[in-house]
Structure formats: C-alpha cells, structure tokens
Amino acid sequence: MVWFWIGHQWGELLLLSLATCFCNDIYREAGKRNLVVSGVEVVFTGEFGADGEPGSNFTYTTNVTSDAPAAEIEALIKHTDQIAEVHNTLRKGLSIRLTV
C-alpha cells in the first residue's frame, strides 16, 4: 500500500513513484535474504512551492509486514534505503536536458 501527501498536484506522481520504487526494492531485497514479506506500506511526504520551484522536505516512513524477527526487518529497511536506485539518483542530483 502506498500513501503520499503533497501540496501540489503534479508532485503526486513523483512521490507516488518514489514510494512504489521503494516497495518493489523491499520485495527484491527480501527475496535475496530469504525473508517472506506479506505487505509493505509507505508514507511519502514532500513540499512544492510556486510553479518552477523544486520540491523539498521529501521524507518517508515504511511498515513492512513479515513473520521475520523485527531486527531483520529493520536491517532490510535500512539496507533497502541505502541501495534504492531511484532514491539515490535523486539524492545525488541529476542533469535533465531538453533536446529538440
């Protein structure tokens, strides 16, 4: 389940994408650790100002449902946050160029 809150209609898609990517990454990384995950909830928030201003204050929380020990799930969440490709792309910054 993915939840997001924003103050700008177009930013919804970005936050939804980030939450969805994290969900997918959790399941992928859980599989590598032989952990069975029965559900993932992500709440993503961010702020958007006037037209043309970049978003800010992006944060998220997650709840992973599993019969695995809590310590293993916490380690899975932290690991996934560190290796999430889309999150890391935005954290590093990127160049977006228009070609005509």
N, C-alpha and C. Protein backbone atom coordinates (compact mmCIF):
# COMPACT_ATOMS: atom_id res chain seq x y z
N MET A 1 0.85 -1.16 0.00
CA MET A 1 0.00 0.00 0.00
C MET A 1 0.90 1.23 0.00
N VAL A 2 0.57 2.19 -0.79
CA VAL A 2 1.37 3.40 -0.92
C VAL A 2 0.51 4.60 -0.56
N TRP A 3 1.00 5.43 0.35
CA TRP A 3 0.33 6.66 0.72
C TRP A 3 1.27 7.81 0.46
N PHE A 4 0.73 8.95 0.07
CA PHE A 4 1.56 10.12 -0.12
C PHE A 4 0.74 11.35 0.14
N TRP A 5 1.40 12.40 0.53
CA TRP A 5 0.75 13.68 0.74
C TRP A 5 1.62 14.75 0.15
N ILE A 6 1.01 15.66 -0.54
CA ILE A 6 1.74 16.79 -1.10
C ILE A 6 0.81 17.98 -1.20
N GLY A 7 1.36 19.11 -1.48
CA GLY A 7 0.56 20.30 -1.64
C GLY A 7 0.49 20.76 -3.09
N HIS A 8 0.87 19.95 -4.01
CA HIS A 8 0.92 20.34 -5.43
C HIS A 8 0.52 19.13 -6.27
N GLN A 9 -0.42 19.31 -7.16
CA GLN A 9 -0.99 18.18 -7.88
C GLN A 9 0.02 17.39 -8.71
N TRP A 10 0.99 18.05 -9.33
CA TRP A 10 1.92 17.31 -10.19
C TRP A 10 2.99 16.58 -9.40
N GLY A 11 3.27 17.06 -8.21
CA GLY A 11 4.24 16.37 -7.37
C GLY A 11 3.77 15.02 -6.90
N GLU A 12 2.45 14.79 -6.96
CA GLU A 12 1.90 13.50 -6.55
C GLU A 12 2.56 12.35 -7.31
N LEU A 13 2.76 12.53 -8.59
CA LEU A 13 3.33 11.46 -9.39
C LEU A 13 4.76 11.14 -8.98
N LEU A 14 5.53 12.15 -8.66
CA LEU A 14 6.91 11.92 -8.23
C LEU A 14 6.93 11.16 -6.91
N LEU A 15 6.13 11.60 -5.94
CA LEU A 15 6.12 10.93 -4.64
C LEU A 15 5.56 9.52 -4.75
N LEU A 16 4.55 9.35 -5.56
CA LEU A 16 3.99 8.01 -5.78
C LEU A 16 5.04 7.10 -6.40
N SER A 17 5.80 7.62 -7.35
CA SER A 17 6.86 6.82 -7.99
C SER A 17 7.93 6.42 -6.98
N LEU A 18 8.33 7.35 -6.14
CA LEU A 18 9.35 7.04 -5.14
C LEU A 18 8.85 5.97 -4.15
N ALA A 19 7.62 6.10 -3.72
CA ALA A 19 7.05 5.12 -2.79
C ALA A 19 6.95 3.75 -3.46
N THR A 20 6.50 3.72 -4.70
CA THR A 20 6.35 2.45 -5.42
C THR A 20 7.70 1.79 -5.65
N CYS A 21 8.69 2.56 -6.01
CA CYS A 21 10.03 2.01 -6.21
C CYS A 21 10.56 1.39 -4.92
N PHE A 22 10.33 2.07 -3.79
CA PHE A 22 10.80 1.52 -2.53
C PHE A 22 10.09 0.20 -2.21
N CYS A 23 8.79 0.14 -2.46
CA CYS A 23 8.06 -1.12 -2.25
C CYS A 23 8.68 -2.24 -3.07
N ASN A 24 8.89 -1.98 -4.35
CA ASN A 24 9.48 -3.00 -5.22
C ASN A 24 10.85 -3.43 -4.72
N ASP A 25 11.65 -2.45 -4.30
CA ASP A 25 13.00 -2.76 -3.81
C ASP A 25 12.96 -3.60 -2.53
N ILE A 26 12.01 -3.33 -1.65
CA ILE A 26 11.87 -4.12 -0.42
C ILE A 26 11.64 -5.59 -0.76
N TYR A 27 10.69 -5.84 -1.67
CA TYR A 27 10.42 -7.23 -2.04
C TYR A 27 11.64 -7.89 -2.70
N ARG A 28 12.33 -7.15 -3.55
CA ARG A 28 13.53 -7.70 -4.20
C ARG A 28 14.60 -8.05 -3.19
N GLU A 29 14.88 -7.11 -2.27
CA GLU A 29 15.93 -7.34 -1.29
C GLU A 29 15.53 -8.39 -0.26
N ALA A 30 14.26 -8.47 0.07
CA ALA A 30 13.78 -9.51 0.99
C ALA A 30 14.01 -10.89 0.38
N GLY A 31 13.74 -11.00 -0.92
CA GLY A 31 13.98 -12.26 -1.60
C GLY A 31 15.43 -12.70 -1.55
N LYS A 32 16.33 -11.75 -1.68
CA LYS A 32 17.77 -12.06 -1.60
C LYS A 32 18.15 -12.58 -0.22
N ARG A 33 17.40 -12.17 0.81
CA ARG A 33 17.68 -12.58 2.19
C ARG A 33 16.79 -13.74 2.64
N ASN A 34 16.03 -14.27 1.72
CA ASN A 34 15.08 -15.35 2.02
C ASN A 34 14.09 -14.96 3.12
N LEU A 35 13.65 -13.71 3.09
CA LEU A 35 12.64 -13.23 4.02
C LEU A 35 11.31 -13.16 3.28
N VAL A 36 10.25 -13.61 3.93
CA VAL A 36 8.92 -13.54 3.35
C VAL A 36 8.26 -12.26 3.84
N VAL A 37 7.89 -11.40 2.90
CA VAL A 37 7.21 -10.14 3.21
C VAL A 37 5.78 -10.26 2.70
N SER A 38 4.82 -10.02 3.59
CA SER A 38 3.41 -10.13 3.18
C SER A 38 2.78 -8.78 2.88
N GLY A 39 3.48 -7.69 3.21
CA GLY A 39 2.94 -6.37 2.91
C GLY A 39 3.95 -5.28 3.17
N VAL A 40 3.81 -4.19 2.42
CA VAL A 40 4.66 -3.01 2.60
C VAL A 40 3.76 -1.79 2.51
N GLU A 41 3.86 -0.91 3.48
CA GLU A 41 3.17 0.38 3.44
C GLU A 41 4.23 1.47 3.45
N VAL A 42 4.06 2.44 2.59
CA VAL A 42 4.99 3.56 2.52
C VAL A 42 4.18 4.85 2.58
N VAL A 43 4.61 5.76 3.45
CA VAL A 43 4.01 7.10 3.51
C VAL A 43 5.10 8.07 3.10
N PHE A 44 4.89 8.75 1.98
CA PHE A 44 5.87 9.68 1.43
C PHE A 44 5.30 11.08 1.50
N THR A 45 6.08 12.03 1.97
CA THR A 45 5.64 13.42 2.02
C THR A 45 6.67 14.31 1.36
N GLY A 46 6.22 15.45 0.91
CA GLY A 46 7.10 16.43 0.29
C GLY A 46 6.36 17.74 0.15
N GLU A 47 7.12 18.78 -0.11
CA GLU A 47 6.53 20.10 -0.27
C GLU A 47 6.91 20.66 -1.64
N PHE A 48 5.97 21.35 -2.24
CA PHE A 48 6.20 22.00 -3.52
C PHE A 48 5.71 23.43 -3.41
N GLY A 49 6.52 24.38 -3.88
CA GLY A 49 6.17 25.78 -3.80
C GLY A 49 5.49 26.26 -5.07
N ALA A 50 5.89 27.43 -5.49
CA ALA A 50 5.32 28.05 -6.68
C ALA A 50 5.77 27.30 -7.94
N ASP A 51 5.09 27.57 -9.03
CA ASP A 51 5.46 26.97 -10.31
C ASP A 51 6.95 27.19 -10.58
N GLY A 52 7.63 26.13 -10.97
CA GLY A 52 9.04 26.21 -11.30
C GLY A 52 9.99 25.97 -10.15
N GLU A 53 9.50 26.01 -8.92
CA GLU A 53 10.37 25.75 -7.76
C GLU A 53 10.51 24.25 -7.55
N PRO A 54 11.71 23.80 -7.17
CA PRO A 54 11.88 22.38 -6.92
C PRO A 54 11.19 21.97 -5.62
N GLY A 55 10.88 20.70 -5.51
CA GLY A 55 10.30 20.17 -4.29
C GLY A 55 11.33 20.14 -3.17
N SER A 56 10.86 20.02 -1.95
CA SER A 56 11.77 19.97 -0.80
C SER A 56 11.13 19.14 0.31
N ASN A 57 11.93 18.90 1.33
CA ASN A 57 11.47 18.17 2.52
C ASN A 57 10.82 16.82 2.18
N PHE A 58 11.46 16.07 1.31
CA PHE A 58 10.96 14.74 0.98
C PHE A 58 11.35 13.80 2.11
N THR A 59 10.38 13.16 2.70
CA THR A 59 10.64 12.17 3.74
C THR A 59 9.67 11.01 3.56
N TYR A 60 10.05 9.86 4.10
CA TYR A 60 9.13 8.74 4.05
C TYR A 60 9.32 7.83 5.23
N THR A 61 8.25 7.13 5.54
CA THR A 61 8.27 6.08 6.55
C THR A 61 7.70 4.83 5.90
N THR A 62 8.04 3.70 6.47
CA THR A 62 7.54 2.45 5.91
C THR A 62 7.24 1.46 7.02
N ASN A 63 6.32 0.59 6.73
CA ASN A 63 5.99 -0.51 7.62
C ASN A 63 6.00 -1.77 6.78
N VAL A 64 6.82 -2.72 7.15
CA VAL A 64 6.94 -3.97 6.43
C VAL A 64 6.32 -5.07 7.28
N THR A 65 5.37 -5.78 6.72
CA THR A 65 4.71 -6.87 7.43
C THR A 65 5.38 -8.19 7.07
N SER A 66 5.83 -8.88 8.10
CA SER A 66 6.54 -10.14 7.90
C SER A 66 6.57 -10.90 9.22
N ASP A 67 6.72 -12.21 9.12
CA ASP A 67 6.90 -13.04 10.32
C ASP A 67 8.36 -13.07 10.77
N ALA A 68 9.23 -12.45 10.00
CA ALA A 68 10.65 -12.43 10.34
C ALA A 68 10.86 -11.59 11.60
N PRO A 69 11.95 -11.84 12.33
CA PRO A 69 12.24 -11.03 13.53
C PRO A 69 12.34 -9.54 13.19
N ALA A 70 11.91 -8.72 14.12
CA ALA A 70 11.90 -7.26 13.92
C ALA A 70 13.28 -6.72 13.54
N ALA A 71 14.32 -7.26 14.14
CA ALA A 71 15.68 -6.79 13.83
C ALA A 71 16.04 -7.05 12.37
N GLU A 72 15.60 -8.19 11.83
CA GLU A 72 15.89 -8.49 10.42
C GLU A 72 15.11 -7.56 9.49
N ILE A 73 13.89 -7.24 9.86
CA ILE A 73 13.09 -6.33 9.04
C ILE A 73 13.67 -4.92 9.09
N GLU A 74 14.09 -4.49 10.26
CA GLU A 74 14.72 -3.17 10.37
C GLU A 74 15.99 -3.10 9.53
N ALA A 75 16.79 -4.16 9.57
CA ALA A 75 18.01 -4.21 8.76
C ALA A 75 17.66 -4.19 7.27
N LEU A 76 16.61 -4.89 6.89
CA LEU A 76 16.15 -4.90 5.49
C LEU A 76 15.75 -3.51 5.04
N ILE A 77 14.99 -2.81 5.87
CA ILE A 77 14.54 -1.46 5.52
C ILE A 77 15.72 -0.52 5.37
N LYS A 78 16.65 -0.55 6.31
CA LYS A 78 17.81 0.34 6.24
C LYS A 78 18.68 0.03 5.03
N HIS A 79 18.89 -1.25 4.77
CA HIS A 79 19.69 -1.64 3.61
C HIS A 79 19.02 -1.18 2.32
N THR A 80 17.72 -1.40 2.21
CA THR A 80 16.99 -1.03 1.01
C THR A 80 17.05 0.47 0.79
N ASP A 81 16.94 1.25 1.85
CA ASP A 81 17.05 2.70 1.72
C ASP A 81 18.42 3.10 1.16
N GLN A 82 19.46 2.40 1.56
CA GLN A 82 20.81 2.74 1.11
C GLN A 82 21.04 2.38 -0.35
N ILE A 83 20.38 1.34 -0.85
CA ILE A 83 20.68 0.89 -2.22
C ILE A 83 19.57 1.19 -3.22
N ALA A 84 18.51 1.84 -2.79
CA ALA A 84 17.38 2.14 -3.69
C ALA A 84 17.87 3.05 -4.83
N GLU A 85 17.84 2.53 -6.04
CA GLU A 85 18.43 3.21 -7.18
C GLU A 85 17.77 4.56 -7.48
N VAL A 86 16.45 4.59 -7.48
CA VAL A 86 15.76 5.83 -7.82
C VAL A 86 15.99 6.88 -6.72
N HIS A 87 15.90 6.47 -5.48
CA HIS A 87 16.15 7.40 -4.37
C HIS A 87 17.58 7.95 -4.46
N ASN A 88 18.53 7.07 -4.72
CA ASN A 88 19.92 7.51 -4.80
C ASN A 88 20.18 8.42 -5.99
N THR A 89 19.46 8.21 -7.08
CA THR A 89 19.60 9.09 -8.24
C THR A 89 19.20 10.51 -7.85
N LEU A 90 18.09 10.65 -7.16
CA LEU A 90 17.63 11.98 -6.74
C LEU A 90 18.52 12.56 -5.65
N ARG A 91 19.00 11.72 -4.75
CA ARG A 91 19.87 12.21 -3.67
C ARG A 91 21.16 12.80 -4.22
N LYS A 92 21.67 12.22 -5.28
CA LYS A 92 22.92 12.70 -5.87
C LYS A 92 22.68 13.90 -6.78
N GLY A 93 21.46 14.09 -7.19
CA GLY A 93 21.19 15.15 -8.16
C GLY A 93 21.41 14.62 -9.55
N LEU A 94 20.74 15.20 -10.50
CA LEU A 94 20.90 14.74 -11.85
C LEU A 94 20.67 15.86 -12.82
N SER A 95 21.20 15.69 -13.99
CA SER A 95 21.05 16.68 -15.05
C SER A 95 19.92 16.21 -15.97
N ILE A 96 18.98 17.09 -16.23
CA ILE A 96 17.91 16.79 -17.17
C ILE A 96 17.98 17.82 -18.28
N ARG A 97 18.21 17.34 -19.51
CA ARG A 97 18.38 18.23 -20.65
C ARG A 97 17.28 18.01 -21.67
N LEU A 98 16.80 19.07 -22.20
CA LEU A 98 15.84 19.02 -23.32
C LEU A 98 16.63 19.05 -24.61
N THR A 99 16.35 18.11 -25.49
CA THR A 99 16.92 18.15 -26.83
C THR A 99 15.78 18.32 -27.81
N VAL A 100 15.99 19.19 -28.78
CA VAL A 100 14.95 19.47 -29.78
C VAL A 100 15.47 19.13 -31.15
